[in-house]
């Protein structure tokens, strides 16, 4: 029996949601009220879906999608999901409902139940901390398919209607690192810095494996073209805190970092870089309009292929992968357009490296390219929790490289090694 009952008014309000998906200017806007905003935009979104179907797109008439987002369009992370969800649903002619600003707490369970009660049979949540609450809802609604980004528990829960998804974004960050390394080389050649001053800064959210994997692959990409590069990392303790991210970037700049990247979701770091005239590699979308003088590139996961895949499974009554991991090849890992501040020859360097990554000639975590406390990493037992009957750690250094997230073990990252050349300024988070 459904545990969440909603009024007729709420059912009407949740019929269809629209997605705010414009460029991120760096200016804060009022937070969305998810239910009211969905109600206000029912008519326009339904019309868009009808137009898509009329244009010949095969409509998934038996699918109604619900999306749960940690923040709203002011977060580059959530905006990336919002845009992908909107595009996928319009292409498939799928009715959809959106809930924004849903915390990583019981509110997520309540939001998931409300979406299920409103008729959604595909429900997706985008933040790591949503997972336990999505699992709770999945057990309550076995007829609904629940999917979750960055999670780790789908294999061990063994629910037919709960699934994890991610992508090999470390490959995208590795390519973005090459862009950064090319820029550092240009700065060295122009006499702006010396080779031993090629120090990057990185604003991270938490000391989670996802963040560690990201900044490490970015660093290794940069070092593949600029061998003298070093990096400092600071953490904010939040996925979205514009003030803390700006302060973190400024601290790194004051400490001598001549290029900044990030794994945090506001415009704090990019705008700090634009003000200081420091080159910046952003995340989840271009910041060129707000930072025209310093933006280099951004890597991102394109979630549209997954949404189309999963909703197509619901349409056809086929099973959704328990753990799905997209890649460069599936179009799930992308770089934005290059900014005007990039070094000459950058596009050619990206194209060559991308081809090598896809062909398997290059691996982001090639253990011959880094050391840990001065020694080679010949073996590593990663706690990947992929076995329903938990068997302990798994060896993940195989054939000369660390096998990060993918089809082999699980979709969510588990690289959590602190390598030489990267200095952590604080690890409280």
Protein backbone atom coordinates (compact mmCIF):
# COMPACT_ATOMS: atom_id res chain seq x y z
CA UNK A 1 0.00 0.00 0.00
CA UNK A 2 1.28 3.45 -0.82
CA UNK A 3 2.43 5.26 2.25
CA UNK A 4 2.35 8.78 0.77
CA UNK A 5 -1.04 10.33 -0.02
CA UNK A 6 -1.32 13.66 -1.74
CA UNK A 7 -4.25 15.94 -2.38
CA UNK A 8 -5.92 16.37 -5.74
CA UNK A 9 -4.37 19.80 -6.00
CA UNK A 10 -0.89 18.36 -5.54
CA UNK A 11 -1.55 15.73 -8.19
CA UNK A 12 -2.51 18.44 -10.65
CA UNK A 13 0.49 20.51 -9.64
CA UNK A 14 2.86 17.61 -10.24
CA UNK A 15 1.54 16.67 -13.67
CA UNK A 16 4.44 18.06 -15.64
CA UNK A 17 7.52 20.06 -14.65
CA UNK A 18 9.64 22.35 -16.67
CA UNK A 19 13.38 22.70 -16.41
CA UNK A 20 15.21 25.99 -16.13
CA UNK A 21 18.20 25.53 -18.38
CA UNK A 22 19.89 28.74 -19.40
CA UNK A 23 23.56 29.63 -19.26
CA UNK A 24 25.02 30.21 -15.82
CA UNK A 25 25.87 33.89 -15.44
CA UNK A 26 27.37 33.54 -12.00
CA UNK A 27 24.63 35.61 -10.40
CA UNK A 28 22.46 33.96 -7.79
CA UNK A 29 18.72 33.71 -8.38
CA UNK A 30 15.96 32.80 -5.94
CA UNK A 31 15.71 29.10 -5.21
CA UNK A 32 12.94 27.28 -7.04
CA UNK A 33 9.85 26.11 -5.20
CA UNK A 34 9.60 22.72 -6.84
CA UNK A 35 5.88 21.98 -6.65
CA UNK A 36 4.66 25.47 -7.44
CA UNK A 37 7.11 25.90 -10.31
CA UNK A 38 6.01 22.58 -11.79
CA UNK A 39 2.38 23.61 -11.63
CA UNK A 40 3.05 26.97 -13.23
CA UNK A 41 4.71 25.42 -16.24
CA UNK A 42 2.52 22.39 -16.92
CA UNK A 43 1.06 23.71 -20.15
CA UNK A 44 4.32 24.76 -21.83
CA UNK A 45 6.19 21.53 -21.05
CA UNK A 46 3.35 19.31 -22.20
CA UNK A 47 3.25 21.27 -25.44
CA UNK A 48 6.98 20.80 -25.94
CA UNK A 49 6.58 17.05 -25.49
CA UNK A 50 3.71 17.00 -28.00
CA UNK A 51 5.82 18.93 -30.52
CA UNK A 52 8.68 16.47 -30.18
CA UNK A 53 6.35 13.54 -30.79
CA UNK A 54 4.77 15.32 -33.74
CA UNK A 55 8.20 15.73 -35.31
CA UNK A 56 8.53 11.97 -35.54
CA UNK A 57 10.22 11.14 -32.25
CA UNK A 58 8.91 7.84 -30.92
CA UNK A 59 6.88 8.78 -27.87
CA UNK A 60 7.29 6.61 -24.79
CA UNK A 61 3.61 6.91 -23.93
CA UNK A 62 3.83 4.50 -21.01
CA UNK A 63 6.60 6.43 -19.24
CA UNK A 64 6.21 9.31 -16.83
CA UNK A 65 9.53 10.51 -15.46
CA UNK A 66 10.28 12.17 -12.15
CA UNK A 67 13.57 13.90 -11.35
CA UNK A 68 14.94 14.84 -7.92
CA UNK A 69 17.74 17.40 -7.84
CA UNK A 70 19.84 18.51 -4.87
CA UNK A 71 19.86 22.15 -5.95
CA UNK A 72 18.46 24.10 -8.90
CA UNK A 73 19.73 25.76 -12.08
CA UNK A 74 22.11 27.99 -10.11
CA UNK A 75 24.24 24.92 -9.42
CA UNK A 76 26.34 23.93 -12.44
CA UNK A 77 26.05 20.29 -11.34
CA UNK A 78 22.27 20.27 -11.16
CA UNK A 79 21.88 22.44 -14.25
CA UNK A 80 23.78 19.81 -16.22
CA UNK A 81 21.25 17.15 -15.11
CA UNK A 82 18.32 19.48 -15.69
CA UNK A 83 19.31 20.17 -19.28
CA UNK A 84 19.93 16.49 -20.03
CA UNK A 85 16.62 15.43 -18.51
CA UNK A 86 14.70 18.03 -20.46
CA UNK A 87 16.39 17.11 -23.73
CA UNK A 88 15.91 13.35 -23.27
CA UNK A 89 12.25 13.67 -22.30
CA UNK A 90 11.46 15.99 -25.18
CA UNK A 91 13.17 13.71 -27.68
CA UNK A 92 11.21 10.71 -26.40
CA UNK A 93 7.91 12.53 -25.91
CA UNK A 94 7.96 11.69 -22.20
CA UNK A 95 5.92 13.56 -19.61
CA UNK A 96 8.15 14.64 -16.76
CA UNK A 97 8.07 16.20 -13.30
CA UNK A 98 10.95 17.98 -11.57
CA UNK A 99 11.68 18.54 -7.91
CA UNK A 100 14.56 20.89 -7.11
CA UNK A 101 16.34 21.81 -3.88
CA UNK A 102 15.74 18.41 -2.28
CA UNK A 103 18.24 17.84 0.58
CA UNK A 104 20.12 14.61 1.20
CA UNK A 105 17.70 13.55 3.89
CA UNK A 106 14.19 12.27 4.52
CA UNK A 107 12.95 14.96 2.15
CA UNK A 108 14.29 12.84 -0.69
CA UNK A 109 12.18 9.85 0.36
CA UNK A 110 9.13 12.07 0.61
CA UNK A 111 9.80 13.60 -2.81
CA UNK A 112 10.26 10.16 -4.38
CA UNK A 113 7.00 8.92 -2.86
CA UNK A 114 5.14 12.00 -4.06
CA UNK A 115 6.44 11.43 -7.58
CA UNK A 116 5.41 7.77 -7.48
CA UNK A 117 1.95 8.71 -6.19
CA UNK A 118 1.69 11.22 -9.04
CA UNK A 119 2.13 8.40 -11.56
CA UNK A 120 5.86 8.52 -12.28
CA UNK A 121 7.21 5.08 -13.14
CA UNK A 122 10.81 6.25 -13.71
CA UNK A 123 12.35 8.30 -10.88
CA UNK A 124 15.91 9.60 -10.83
CA UNK A 125 17.92 11.39 -8.12
CA UNK A 126 21.21 13.14 -8.76
CA UNK A 127 23.16 13.38 -5.48
CA UNK A 128 25.25 10.85 -3.55
CA UNK A 129 23.42 11.44 -0.27
CA UNK A 130 20.03 10.73 -1.85
CA UNK A 131 20.80 7.02 -2.23
CA UNK A 132 19.49 5.56 1.04
CA UNK A 133 16.21 7.44 0.67
CA UNK A 134 15.77 6.30 -2.93
CA UNK A 135 16.32 2.72 -1.79
CA UNK A 136 13.67 3.19 0.90
CA UNK A 137 11.22 4.46 -1.71
CA UNK A 138 12.13 1.66 -4.15
CA UNK A 139 11.17 -0.92 -1.52
CA UNK A 140 7.86 0.89 -1.01
CA UNK A 141 7.03 1.05 -4.75
CA UNK A 142 8.28 -2.14 -6.45
CA UNK A 143 6.43 -1.29 -9.68
CA UNK A 144 8.47 1.94 -10.14
CA UNK A 145 12.03 2.06 -11.49
CA UNK A 146 14.36 4.16 -9.31
CA UNK A 147 17.73 5.28 -10.67
CA UNK A 148 20.48 7.14 -8.84
CA UNK A 149 23.65 8.93 -9.87
CA UNK A 150 27.02 8.32 -8.14
CA UNK A 151 25.64 5.67 -5.78
CA UNK A 152 27.29 2.43 -4.68
CA UNK A 153 24.58 0.15 -3.27
CA UNK A 154 22.56 -1.19 -6.21
CA UNK A 155 24.58 -4.41 -6.44
CA UNK A 156 24.36 -5.20 -2.76
CA UNK A 157 20.70 -4.22 -2.34
CA UNK A 158 19.66 -6.59 -5.15
CA UNK A 159 16.41 -4.77 -5.88
CA UNK A 160 15.03 -5.24 -9.38
CA UNK A 161 13.87 -1.63 -9.39
CA UNK A 162 16.91 0.22 -8.01
CA UNK A 163 19.89 1.10 -10.19
CA UNK A 164 23.13 3.11 -10.03
CA UNK A 165 24.63 5.09 -12.88
CA UNK A 166 27.73 7.17 -13.51
CA UNK A 167 30.32 7.76 -16.24
CA UNK A 168 34.09 7.66 -16.64
CA UNK A 169 34.36 11.40 -16.01
CA UNK A 170 38.00 10.87 -14.97
CA UNK A 171 38.74 10.57 -18.70
CA UNK A 172 37.09 13.94 -19.27
CA UNK A 173 39.04 15.50 -16.42
CA UNK A 174 42.25 13.97 -17.80
CA UNK A 175 41.56 15.70 -21.13
CA UNK A 176 40.75 18.96 -19.32
CA UNK A 177 44.09 18.54 -17.54
CA UNK A 178 45.82 18.43 -20.90
CA UNK A 179 44.19 21.78 -21.71
CA UNK A 180 45.57 23.12 -18.42
CA UNK A 181 49.03 21.68 -19.06
CA UNK A 182 49.15 23.25 -22.51
CA UNK A 183 48.27 26.61 -20.97
CA UNK A 184 51.02 26.24 -18.35
CA UNK A 185 53.53 25.46 -21.11
CA UNK A 186 52.46 28.61 -22.93
CA UNK A 187 52.88 30.66 -19.77
CA UNK A 188 56.38 29.20 -19.30
CA UNK A 189 57.34 29.88 -22.92
CA UNK A 190 56.07 33.46 -22.68
CA UNK A 191 58.12 34.09 -19.54
CA UNK A 192 55.05 34.65 -17.37
CA UNK A 193 56.16 31.89 -15.00
CA UNK A 194 59.14 29.59 -14.66
CA UNK A 195 58.83 25.82 -15.00
CA UNK A 196 59.01 25.35 -11.23
CA UNK A 197 56.18 27.88 -10.77
CA UNK A 198 53.72 25.73 -12.75
CA UNK A 199 51.48 25.17 -9.73
CA UNK A 200 47.76 24.57 -10.14
CA UNK A 201 45.05 24.91 -7.51
CA UNK A 202 41.91 22.83 -7.13
CA UNK A 203 38.75 23.65 -5.18
CA UNK A 204 37.12 20.39 -4.06
CA UNK A 205 33.92 19.79 -2.15
CA UNK A 206 34.67 16.73 0.00
CA UNK A 207 37.44 14.17 0.37
CA UNK A 208 35.25 11.55 -1.30
CA UNK A 209 36.68 9.09 -3.81
CA UNK A 210 34.76 10.85 -6.59
CA UNK A 211 36.57 14.12 -5.85
CA UNK A 212 39.97 12.46 -5.33
CA UNK A 213 39.60 10.55 -8.59
CA UNK A 214 38.67 13.76 -10.37
CA UNK A 215 41.47 16.00 -9.20
CA UNK A 216 44.06 13.22 -9.61
CA UNK A 217 43.09 12.49 -13.22
CA UNK A 218 43.07 16.25 -13.94
CA UNK A 219 46.57 16.55 -12.47
CA UNK A 220 47.87 13.54 -14.41
CA UNK A 221 46.45 14.93 -17.64
CA UNK A 222 48.25 18.22 -17.03
CA UNK A 223 51.48 16.46 -16.15
CA UNK A 224 51.35 14.38 -19.33
CA UNK A 225 52.20 17.58 -21.25
CA UNK A 226 53.78 19.76 -18.52
CA UNK A 227 56.08 17.50 -16.45
CA UNK A 228 56.96 20.12 -13.80
CA UNK A 229 53.38 20.80 -12.72
CA UNK A 230 52.33 20.48 -9.07
CA UNK A 231 48.94 21.05 -7.49
CA UNK A 232 47.36 22.16 -4.21
CA UNK A 233 43.84 21.14 -3.24
CA UNK A 234 41.51 22.84 -0.79
CA UNK A 235 38.07 21.60 0.30
CA UNK A 236 34.89 23.49 1.12
CA UNK A 237 32.79 20.83 2.88
CA UNK A 238 29.86 21.54 0.58
CA UNK A 239 28.85 20.72 -2.97
CA UNK A 240 27.48 24.22 -3.41
CA UNK A 241 28.78 27.19 -1.42
CA UNK A 242 29.63 30.15 -3.60
CA UNK A 243 31.34 32.11 -0.84
CA UNK A 244 33.49 29.19 0.32
CA UNK A 245 34.43 28.26 -3.24
CA UNK A 246 35.44 31.83 -4.04
CA UNK A 247 37.45 32.04 -0.82
CA UNK A 248 39.09 28.71 -1.62
CA UNK A 249 40.12 29.88 -5.08
CA UNK A 250 41.47 33.16 -3.73
CA UNK A 251 43.46 31.30 -1.07
CA UNK A 252 45.05 29.12 -3.75
CA UNK A 253 45.83 32.12 -5.95
CA UNK A 254 47.45 33.92 -3.02
CA UNK A 255 49.50 30.79 -2.40
CA UNK A 256 51.01 31.01 -5.87
CA UNK A 257 48.66 28.82 -7.92
CA UNK A 258 48.63 30.14 -11.48
CA UNK A 259 45.69 28.08 -12.78
CA UNK A 260 42.59 26.89 -10.94
CA UNK A 261 40.12 24.05 -11.44
CA UNK A 262 37.29 22.73 -9.29
CA UNK A 263 34.93 19.98 -8.22
CA UNK A 264 32.31 22.15 -6.61
CA UNK A 265 29.16 23.46 -8.15
CA UNK A 266 28.89 27.25 -7.98
CA UNK A 267 30.45 30.08 -9.93
CA UNK A 268 32.58 31.05 -6.92
CA UNK A 269 35.92 29.76 -8.21
CA UNK A 270 35.50 30.86 -11.86
CA UNK A 271 34.50 34.40 -10.92
CA UNK A 272 37.41 34.65 -8.48
CA UNK A 273 39.71 33.61 -11.33
CA UNK A 274 38.19 36.15 -13.73
CA UNK A 275 38.71 38.92 -11.19
CA UNK A 276 42.32 37.87 -10.58
CA UNK A 277 43.10 37.16 -14.25
CA UNK A 278 43.96 33.51 -13.52
CA UNK A 279 43.14 30.79 -16.10
CA UNK A 280 40.30 28.52 -15.01
CA UNK A 281 39.04 25.04 -15.85
CA UNK A 282 35.44 24.74 -14.70
CA UNK A 283 33.13 21.75 -14.36
CA UNK A 284 29.75 20.73 -15.77
CA UNK A 285 29.43 23.56 -18.27
CA UNK A 286 31.03 26.50 -19.99
CA UNK A 287 31.64 29.66 -17.97
CA UNK A 288 32.84 31.57 -21.03
CA UNK A 289 30.05 34.16 -20.91
CA UNK A 290 30.77 35.07 -17.28
CA UNK A 291 34.55 34.60 -17.49
CA UNK A 292 35.54 35.48 -21.08
CA UNK A 293 39.17 36.24 -20.29
CA UNK A 294 40.08 33.23 -18.16
CA UNK A 295 37.84 30.29 -19.13
CA UNK A 296 39.76 27.43 -20.72
CA UNK A 297 37.42 24.42 -20.86
CA UNK A 298 35.01 22.36 -18.80
CA UNK A 299 34.48 18.62 -18.60
CA UNK A 300 31.08 17.18 -17.87
CA UNK A 301 28.97 14.05 -17.86
CA UNK A 302 26.27 14.16 -20.52
CA UNK A 303 23.38 12.36 -18.83
CA UNK A 304 21.12 12.35 -21.87
CA UNK A 305 22.34 8.95 -23.19
CA UNK A 306 21.57 7.33 -19.84
CA UNK A 307 18.15 8.91 -19.49
CA UNK A 308 17.19 7.77 -23.00
CA UNK A 309 18.56 4.28 -22.34
CA UNK A 310 16.79 3.87 -18.98
CA UNK A 311 13.45 5.29 -20.12
CA UNK A 312 13.61 3.12 -23.23
CA UNK A 313 14.02 0.11 -20.93
CA UNK A 314 10.90 1.17 -19.03
CA UNK A 315 9.03 1.64 -22.31
CA UNK A 316 9.94 -1.84 -23.53
CA UNK A 317 9.72 -3.61 -20.18
CA UNK A 318 13.39 -4.61 -20.25
CA UNK A 319 15.77 -4.60 -17.30
CA UNK A 320 17.87 -1.51 -16.55
CA UNK A 321 21.50 -2.28 -15.78
CA UNK A 322 22.12 -2.53 -12.05
CA UNK A 323 25.34 -0.53 -12.49
CA UNK A 324 25.66 1.52 -15.69
CA UNK A 325 28.79 3.47 -16.60
CA UNK A 326 28.95 5.75 -19.64
CA UNK A 327 32.16 6.68 -21.43
CA UNK A 328 33.75 8.82 -24.11
CA UNK A 329 32.50 6.31 -26.64
CA UNK A 330 28.87 6.46 -25.52
CA UNK A 331 28.93 10.27 -25.62
CA UNK A 332 28.49 10.38 -21.86
CA UNK A 333 31.81 12.15 -21.16
CA UNK A 334 32.34 15.46 -22.91
CA UNK A 335 34.38 18.63 -23.02
CA UNK A 336 32.78 21.99 -23.71
CA UNK A 337 34.06 24.32 -26.39
CA UNK A 338 37.48 25.78 -25.73
CA UNK A 339 37.75 29.27 -24.30
CA UNK A 340 39.61 32.09 -25.98
CA UNK A 341 42.48 31.85 -23.48
CA UNK A 342 43.67 28.36 -24.46
CA UNK A 343 47.15 27.76 -25.86
CA UNK A 344 47.79 27.17 -29.54
CA UNK A 345 47.58 23.52 -30.50
CA UNK A 346 45.24 22.58 -27.65
CA UNK A 347 42.46 21.13 -29.79
CA UNK A 348 44.92 18.88 -31.63
CA UNK A 349 46.35 17.65 -28.32
CA UNK A 350 42.85 16.85 -27.01
CA UNK A 351 41.87 15.00 -30.17
CA UNK A 352 44.98 12.83 -30.07
CA UNK A 353 44.61 12.00 -26.37
CA UNK A 354 40.90 11.25 -26.72
CA UNK A 355 41.59 8.81 -29.53
CA UNK A 356 44.25 7.10 -27.41
CA UNK A 357 41.93 6.83 -24.41
CA UNK A 358 39.17 5.29 -26.49
CA UNK A 359 41.60 2.87 -28.14
CA UNK A 360 43.03 1.85 -24.77
CA UNK A 361 46.51 3.08 -25.67
CA UNK A 362 46.42 5.55 -22.77
CA UNK A 363 44.88 5.13 -19.32
CA UNK A 364 44.21 8.05 -17.00
CA UNK A 365 45.61 6.17 -13.99
CA UNK A 366 48.64 4.53 -15.64
CA UNK A 367 50.72 3.59 -12.59
CA UNK A 368 53.98 4.30 -14.45
CA UNK A 369 53.06 8.01 -14.46
CA UNK A 370 52.84 8.56 -10.69
CA UNK A 371 54.19 7.44 -7.34
CA UNK A 372 52.77 7.21 -3.83
CA UNK A 373 55.20 8.28 -1.10
CA UNK A 374 58.02 7.79 -3.58
CA UNK A 375 57.10 4.25 -4.58
CA UNK A 376 55.28 2.75 -7.53
CA UNK A 377 51.71 1.62 -6.93
CA UNK A 378 52.00 -2.04 -7.95
CA UNK A 379 48.92 -3.27 -6.12
CA UNK A 380 45.81 -1.76 -4.56
CA UNK A 381 42.87 -3.40 -2.84
CA UNK A 382 39.80 -1.25 -3.44
CA UNK A 383 36.65 -1.58 -1.36
CA UNK A 384 34.17 -1.58 -4.24
CA UNK A 385 31.30 -3.48 -2.56
CA UNK A 386 30.07 -5.09 -5.76
CA UNK A 387 29.30 -8.55 -4.44
CA UNK A 388 25.87 -9.23 -2.91
CA UNK A 389 27.66 -11.69 -0.64
CA UNK A 390 30.43 -9.29 0.32
CA UNK A 391 33.82 -10.82 -0.44
CA UNK A 392 36.11 -8.01 0.75
CA UNK A 393 38.46 -5.84 -1.26
CA UNK A 394 39.29 -6.26 -4.93
CA UNK A 395 42.64 -5.90 -6.68
CA UNK A 396 42.28 -2.97 -9.07
CA UNK A 397 45.84 -2.41 -10.33
CA UNK A 398 45.85 -4.71 -13.35
CA UNK A 399 47.95 -4.57 -16.54
CA UNK A 400 49.81 -1.50 -15.34
CA UNK A 401 46.95 0.83 -14.49
CA UNK A 402 44.40 1.45 -11.77
CA UNK A 403 41.05 0.24 -13.09
CA UNK A 404 38.76 3.03 -11.98
CA UNK A 405 34.97 2.89 -12.12
CA UNK A 406 33.34 1.17 -15.06
CA UNK A 407 31.75 -2.10 -16.01
CA UNK A 408 34.42 -4.20 -14.27
CA UNK A 409 33.47 -3.40 -10.67
CA UNK A 410 31.00 -0.58 -10.11
CA UNK A 411 29.98 2.64 -11.83
CA UNK A 412 30.82 5.06 -8.99
CA UNK A 413 34.48 6.10 -8.50
CA UNK A 414 36.62 4.42 -5.86
CA UNK A 415 40.09 5.86 -6.58
CA UNK A 416 41.12 7.36 -3.22
CA UNK A 417 44.92 7.35 -3.42
CA UNK A 418 46.96 10.43 -2.51
CA UNK A 419 49.73 10.59 -5.11
CA UNK A 420 52.99 12.54 -5.06
CA UNK A 421 52.86 16.01 -6.57
CA UNK A 422 49.49 16.89 -5.05
CA UNK A 423 49.36 18.70 -1.70
CA UNK A 424 46.17 18.67 0.34
CA UNK A 425 45.77 21.91 2.28
CA UNK A 426 42.94 20.64 4.49
CA UNK A 427 41.20 17.32 4.86
CA UNK A 428 38.51 18.07 7.40
CA UNK A 429 35.80 17.13 4.94
